[in-house]
Amino acid sequence: MKLSTCIVVILSVMLLASCSDDSKPNVEALVYEQAKPLSDFALLDQHKNKVTKAAFAGQWNLVFLGYTSCPDICPLTLAKLNAVHKALNEQYPLQIWFLSVDPKRDTADKRKAYIDYFNPDFLAVSGEHKDLFPLVRELGLIYAISDSDEQEYAVDHSASVAMVDSRGAVRAIFKPEFKQGSVPLINAKSLISEFKLIADYYQ
């Protein structure tokens, strides 16, 4: 093989390597190579309007489970998600979803008063457990609630945040940090950084 031919071959290989160097995002989040489509659903937002899977269209979405009586994880996470929204929304149209898994106490009016404290543009949705359970399971999240008749009770729920694309499919799960002596919470700075990498790669 002539020297000129060798050089052409080497340059071609280098060019192909650089063109294919589209490596997947190196992130701590759980990222699905194939996004997981959600089934349709029907819930109500804080304005008593029906919300379906179509509400995911047109933007990226971050979904967090909780309930308005939550003493720590929910308000702290929503405050962090408000900061995330402010940092990302201009470049990446983004909707934050607060999915209440305590429909017995969390009426639409109560959800509205609660979410308005953080950001009135966020969606605060809920519905009957028969409608919530399938959606939560498909989101890759979990919750458990007592059948107690008592007025005050706690609800166990994921502290993770699901990233849903504009087609209504789960793309990633951002997991919370577990620090001794503290409740599990997402790291807003890391989420912002990783969100950009994932959104740019899978847009």
Protein backbone atom coordinates (compact mmCIF):
# COMPACT_ATOMS: atom_id res chain seq x y z
CA MET A 1 0.00 0.00 0.00
CA LYS A 2 1.38 3.40 -0.99
CA LEU A 3 2.10 6.01 1.66
CA SER A 4 -0.52 8.38 0.22
CA THR A 5 -3.11 5.61 0.31
CA CYS A 6 -2.20 4.79 3.93
CA ILE A 7 -2.63 8.44 4.91
CA VAL A 8 -6.06 8.55 3.23
CA VAL A 9 -7.12 5.38 5.05
CA ILE A 10 -5.91 6.69 8.42
CA LEU A 11 -7.62 10.04 7.93
CA SER A 12 -10.84 8.30 6.92
CA VAL A 13 -10.78 6.15 10.06
CA MET A 14 -10.12 9.21 12.22
CA LEU A 15 -12.99 11.09 10.56
CA LEU A 16 -15.38 8.19 11.10
CA ALA A 17 -14.28 7.91 14.72
CA SER A 18 -14.91 11.59 15.32
CA CYS A 19 -18.32 11.42 13.63
CA SER A 20 -19.35 8.42 15.69
CA ASP A 21 -18.04 9.85 18.96
CA ASP A 22 -21.59 10.53 20.07
CA SER A 23 -21.21 8.84 23.43
CA LYS A 24 -24.15 8.39 25.76
CA PRO A 25 -24.43 10.82 28.66
CA ASN A 26 -22.20 9.87 31.58
CA VAL A 27 -24.63 10.58 34.42
CA GLU A 28 -25.67 9.23 37.80
CA ALA A 29 -29.35 9.23 36.78
CA LEU A 30 -31.00 6.03 35.59
CA VAL A 31 -31.40 6.61 31.84
CA TYR A 32 -33.53 4.35 29.65
CA GLU A 33 -31.93 3.67 26.27
CA GLN A 34 -35.43 3.12 24.95
CA ALA A 35 -37.84 5.58 26.55
CA LYS A 36 -40.75 3.87 28.33
CA PRO A 37 -44.10 5.10 26.90
CA LEU A 38 -46.78 5.85 29.48
CA SER A 39 -50.34 4.65 29.11
CA ASP A 40 -53.02 7.29 28.91
CA PHE A 41 -54.56 8.43 32.16
CA ALA A 42 -57.14 10.89 33.49
CA LEU A 43 -56.43 12.99 36.57
CA LEU A 44 -57.41 16.46 37.76
CA ASP A 45 -55.11 19.44 38.23
CA GLN A 46 -55.31 22.13 40.92
CA HIS A 47 -57.86 24.04 38.82
CA LYS A 48 -60.13 20.99 38.60
CA ASN A 49 -59.31 20.55 34.92
CA LYS A 50 -58.86 17.11 33.42
CA VAL A 51 -55.25 16.17 32.76
CA THR A 52 -54.27 13.36 30.38
CA LYS A 53 -51.07 12.06 28.81
CA ALA A 54 -51.42 14.82 26.19
CA ALA A 55 -50.29 17.33 28.84
CA PHE A 56 -46.73 16.01 28.48
CA ALA A 57 -46.58 17.18 24.86
CA GLY A 58 -44.55 20.18 23.81
CA GLN A 59 -41.96 20.18 26.57
CA TRP A 60 -39.77 18.13 28.86
CA ASN A 61 -41.40 17.16 32.15
CA LEU A 62 -40.19 16.38 35.66
CA VAL A 63 -42.61 14.42 37.84
CA PHE A 64 -42.38 14.21 41.62
CA LEU A 65 -44.68 12.25 43.96
CA GLY A 66 -45.80 13.66 47.28
CA TYR A 67 -48.60 15.03 49.40
CA THR A 68 -49.36 18.40 50.93
CA SER A 69 -49.08 17.18 54.54
CA CYS A 70 -45.55 15.90 53.91
CA PRO A 71 -43.31 17.44 56.59
CA ASP A 72 -39.95 17.57 54.83
CA ILE A 73 -39.14 15.75 51.57
CA CYS A 74 -41.97 17.33 49.56
CA PRO A 75 -41.50 21.01 50.38
CA LEU A 76 -37.72 20.75 50.19
CA THR A 77 -37.84 18.91 46.85
CA LEU A 78 -40.37 21.33 45.36
CA ALA A 79 -38.15 24.25 46.37
CA LYS A 80 -35.26 22.55 44.59
CA LEU A 81 -37.42 21.85 41.54
CA ASN A 82 -38.38 25.52 41.41
CA ALA A 83 -34.68 26.37 41.19
CA VAL A 84 -34.25 23.68 38.52
CA HIS A 85 -37.16 25.13 36.55
CA LYS A 86 -35.71 28.64 36.68
CA ALA A 87 -32.33 27.38 35.51
CA LEU A 88 -33.63 25.28 32.61
CA ASN A 89 -36.95 26.59 31.37
CA GLU A 90 -35.63 29.26 29.03
CA GLN A 91 -33.43 26.83 27.12
CA TYR A 92 -35.49 23.69 27.65
CA PRO A 93 -39.27 24.25 27.88
CA LEU A 94 -40.10 22.38 31.07
CA GLN A 95 -43.18 21.48 33.10
CA ILE A 96 -42.91 20.41 36.74
CA TRP A 97 -45.54 17.94 37.94
CA PHE A 98 -46.44 17.48 41.60
CA LEU A 99 -48.38 14.22 41.68
CA SER A 100 -50.28 13.99 44.96
CA VAL A 101 -50.72 10.41 46.13
CA ASP A 102 -52.98 11.44 49.02
CA PRO A 103 -56.27 12.18 47.21
CA LYS A 104 -58.32 11.77 50.38
CA ARG A 105 -56.88 14.94 51.93
CA ASP A 106 -55.39 16.73 48.94
CA THR A 107 -58.38 18.36 47.31
CA ALA A 108 -57.88 20.54 44.25
CA ASP A 109 -58.15 23.70 46.36
CA LYS A 110 -55.59 22.40 48.82
CA ARG A 111 -53.21 21.41 46.05
CA LYS A 112 -53.58 24.84 44.47
CA ALA A 113 -52.78 26.68 47.69
CA TYR A 114 -49.81 24.39 48.23
CA ILE A 115 -48.26 24.56 44.76
CA ASP A 116 -48.84 28.33 44.44
CA TYR A 117 -46.38 28.79 47.29
CA PHE A 118 -43.63 27.27 45.13
CA ASN A 119 -44.67 28.13 41.58
CA PRO A 120 -48.22 28.61 40.27
CA ASP A 121 -47.11 27.41 36.84
CA PHE A 122 -46.43 23.92 38.19
CA LEU A 123 -49.08 21.22 37.75
CA ALA A 124 -50.48 19.74 40.96
CA VAL A 125 -52.48 16.70 39.92
CA SER A 126 -54.20 13.83 41.67
CA GLY A 127 -56.98 11.31 41.32
CA GLU A 128 -58.32 8.09 42.73
CA HIS A 129 -55.83 5.40 43.64
CA LYS A 130 -57.09 3.20 40.82
CA ASP A 131 -55.88 5.90 38.44
CA LEU A 132 -52.75 6.84 40.37
CA PHE A 133 -51.26 3.38 40.91
CA PRO A 134 -50.81 2.43 37.23
CA LEU A 135 -49.27 5.79 36.34
CA VAL A 136 -46.91 5.79 39.31
CA ARG A 137 -45.79 2.25 38.50
CA GLU A 138 -45.11 3.13 34.86
CA LEU A 139 -43.15 6.20 35.97
CA GLY A 140 -40.82 3.86 37.84
CA LEU A 141 -41.83 5.35 41.19
CA ILE A 142 -43.70 3.96 44.20
CA TYR A 143 -45.91 4.94 47.09
CA ALA A 144 -47.73 3.26 49.97
CA ILE A 145 -50.59 4.67 52.01
CA SER A 146 -52.39 3.41 55.11
CA ASP A 147 -56.10 2.57 55.19
CA SER A 148 -56.33 4.26 58.58
CA ASP A 149 -59.37 6.43 59.37
CA GLU A 150 -57.20 8.79 61.40
CA GLN A 151 -56.91 12.39 60.24
CA GLU A 152 -53.13 12.47 60.57
CA TYR A 153 -51.12 9.82 58.76
CA ALA A 154 -47.93 9.61 56.76
CA VAL A 155 -47.58 8.48 53.15
CA ASP A 156 -44.48 6.61 52.03
CA HIS A 157 -43.36 7.68 48.57
CA SER A 158 -40.36 7.86 46.28
CA ALA A 159 -38.04 10.84 46.62
CA SER A 160 -36.89 10.35 43.03
CA VAL A 161 -37.92 12.54 40.10
CA ALA A 162 -38.99 11.08 36.76
CA MET A 163 -38.01 12.79 33.49
CA VAL A 164 -40.72 12.42 30.84
CA ASP A 165 -40.25 13.50 27.24
CA SER A 166 -42.66 15.40 25.00
CA ARG A 167 -44.13 12.13 23.69
CA GLY A 168 -45.17 11.00 27.15
CA ALA A 169 -42.41 8.45 27.67
CA VAL A 170 -40.13 8.09 30.69
CA ARG A 171 -36.56 8.91 29.68
CA ALA A 172 -34.75 8.96 33.04
CA ILE A 173 -35.03 8.80 36.82
CA PHE A 174 -33.10 11.23 39.00
CA LYS A 175 -32.42 9.59 42.34
CA PRO A 176 -32.05 11.40 45.67
CA GLU A 177 -28.90 11.65 47.72
CA PHE A 178 -28.87 9.77 51.01
CA LYS A 179 -26.87 11.53 53.70
CA GLN A 180 -26.70 10.42 57.30
CA GLY A 181 -29.00 12.48 59.48
CA SER A 182 -30.83 14.03 56.51
CA VAL A 183 -33.91 13.16 54.50
CA PRO A 184 -33.27 11.89 50.95
CA LEU A 185 -33.31 14.78 48.49
CA ILE A 186 -32.33 15.38 44.89
CA ASN A 187 -29.24 17.46 44.24
CA ALA A 188 -30.51 20.41 42.19
CA LYS A 189 -27.10 21.30 40.75
CA SER A 190 -26.44 17.74 39.58
CA LEU A 191 -29.96 17.39 38.22
CA ILE A 192 -29.59 20.56 36.13
CA SER A 193 -26.27 19.40 34.72
CA GLU A 194 -27.44 15.86 33.97
CA PHE A 195 -30.79 17.03 32.60
CA LYS A 196 -28.96 19.09 29.95
CA LEU A 197 -26.78 16.15 28.92
CA ILE A 198 -29.76 13.81 28.64
CA ALA A 199 -32.02 16.32 26.89
CA ASP A 200 -29.33 17.25 24.37
CA TYR A 201 -28.54 13.63 23.57
CA TYR A 202 -32.15 12.41 23.24
CA GLN A 203 -33.80 15.50 21.78
